[in-house]
Amino acid sequence: MITPVSVLKEIHNLNLSYLLLAQRVAAEDVKQAERFLNMDIELIQAVKQLTAPQILALAQTNQCLIKVQSTLLTQLAEPENDRAVHGLHQRRL
């Protein structure tokens, strides 16, 4: 059963994973982080400088930090892209 507490816990986990990924990518290559994460340089630099306690505190917000672009959802919903998305996924594996 989905409860408000379980949803918040999932959001916290997702936020923590995203922030840790963002920090790792930003530490390796800021330009790559800008492309992959769709963040501006100032935000990437801020995430890069966060301490572990700051990341944990930020992750525990009641809002999801990741925003899915509506254009991406529209593209993925198109039938002709279904095969391309599955093929791309399979090639990456």
Protein backbone atom coordinates (compact mmCIF):
# COMPACT_ATOMS: atom_id res chain seq x y z
CA MET A 1 0.00 0.00 0.00
CA ILE A 2 1.28 3.42 -0.93
CA THR A 3 1.32 5.83 1.99
CA PRO A 4 2.47 9.44 2.19
CA VAL A 5 5.41 8.28 4.32
CA SER A 6 6.48 5.67 1.77
CA VAL A 7 6.22 8.20 -1.07
CA LEU A 8 8.39 10.68 0.85
CA LYS A 9 10.93 7.95 1.55
CA GLU A 10 11.12 7.14 -2.18
CA ILE A 11 11.50 10.83 -3.02
CA HIS A 12 14.33 11.13 -0.47
CA ASN A 13 16.08 8.10 -1.97
CA LEU A 14 15.68 9.42 -5.51
CA ASN A 15 16.95 12.87 -4.50
CA LEU A 16 19.96 11.39 -2.72
CA SER A 17 20.87 9.23 -5.71
CA TYR A 18 20.47 12.17 -8.08
CA LEU A 19 22.57 14.53 -5.95
CA LEU A 20 25.35 11.97 -5.56
CA LEU A 21 25.36 11.34 -9.30
CA ALA A 22 25.36 15.07 -10.04
CA GLN A 23 28.25 15.63 -7.68
CA ARG A 24 30.26 12.77 -9.18
CA VAL A 25 29.68 13.90 -12.77
CA ALA A 26 30.42 17.54 -11.86
CA ALA A 27 33.68 16.54 -10.19
CA GLU A 28 34.84 14.78 -13.36
CA ASP A 29 33.66 17.19 -16.06
CA VAL A 30 31.57 20.32 -15.53
CA LYS A 31 30.64 20.65 -19.21
CA GLN A 32 29.47 17.04 -19.31
CA ALA A 33 27.44 17.63 -16.14
CA GLU A 34 25.84 20.65 -17.78
CA ARG A 35 24.71 18.52 -20.74
CA PHE A 36 23.71 15.37 -18.85
CA LEU A 37 21.98 17.04 -15.92
CA ASN A 38 20.53 20.06 -17.72
CA MET A 39 21.87 22.40 -15.03
CA ASP A 40 23.58 25.72 -15.40
CA ILE A 41 27.24 26.08 -14.42
CA GLU A 42 26.49 27.98 -11.19
CA LEU A 43 24.21 25.21 -9.93
CA ILE A 44 26.70 22.52 -10.93
CA GLN A 45 29.46 24.34 -9.02
CA ALA A 46 27.19 24.62 -5.97
CA VAL A 47 26.34 20.89 -6.06
CA LYS A 48 30.01 20.07 -6.54
CA GLN A 49 30.86 21.89 -3.29
CA LEU A 50 28.16 20.30 -1.11
CA THR A 51 29.30 18.32 1.92
CA ALA A 52 27.79 14.93 2.78
CA PRO A 53 25.54 16.38 5.54
CA GLN A 54 24.35 19.10 3.14
CA ILE A 55 23.51 16.51 0.48
CA LEU A 56 21.55 14.46 3.00
CA ALA A 57 19.64 17.51 4.21
CA LEU A 58 18.84 18.63 0.67
CA ALA A 59 17.77 15.13 -0.35
CA GLN A 60 15.26 14.98 2.49
CA THR A 61 13.04 17.70 1.05
CA ASN A 62 9.42 16.77 0.34
CA GLN A 63 9.84 17.60 -3.36
CA CYS A 64 11.50 15.68 -6.14
CA LEU A 65 14.64 17.49 -7.32
CA ILE A 66 14.55 15.92 -10.76
CA LYS A 67 12.29 17.49 -13.34
CA VAL A 68 11.46 15.42 -16.41
CA GLN A 69 11.20 17.51 -19.54
CA SER A 70 7.76 17.28 -21.10
CA THR A 71 9.34 17.16 -24.57
CA LEU A 72 11.15 13.97 -23.60
CA LEU A 73 7.93 12.34 -22.45
CA THR A 74 6.20 13.38 -25.67
CA GLN A 75 9.01 11.91 -27.76
CA LEU A 76 9.01 8.64 -25.83
CA ALA A 77 5.24 8.31 -26.14
CA GLU A 78 5.34 8.39 -29.95
CA PRO A 79 4.94 4.88 -31.43
CA GLU A 80 7.80 5.19 -33.93
CA ASN A 81 10.20 6.06 -31.12
CA ASP A 82 9.28 2.97 -29.13
CA ARG A 83 11.51 0.70 -31.22
CA ALA A 84 14.31 3.25 -31.27
CA VAL A 85 14.23 3.66 -27.49
CA HIS A 86 14.24 -0.11 -26.93
CA GLY A 87 17.04 -0.55 -29.47
CA LEU A 88 19.11 2.17 -27.85
CA HIS A 89 18.57 0.63 -24.42
CA GLN A 90 19.61 -2.79 -25.68
CA ARG A 91 22.76 -1.44 -27.34
CA ARG A 92 23.85 0.20 -24.09
CA LEU A 93 23.57 -3.08 -22.21
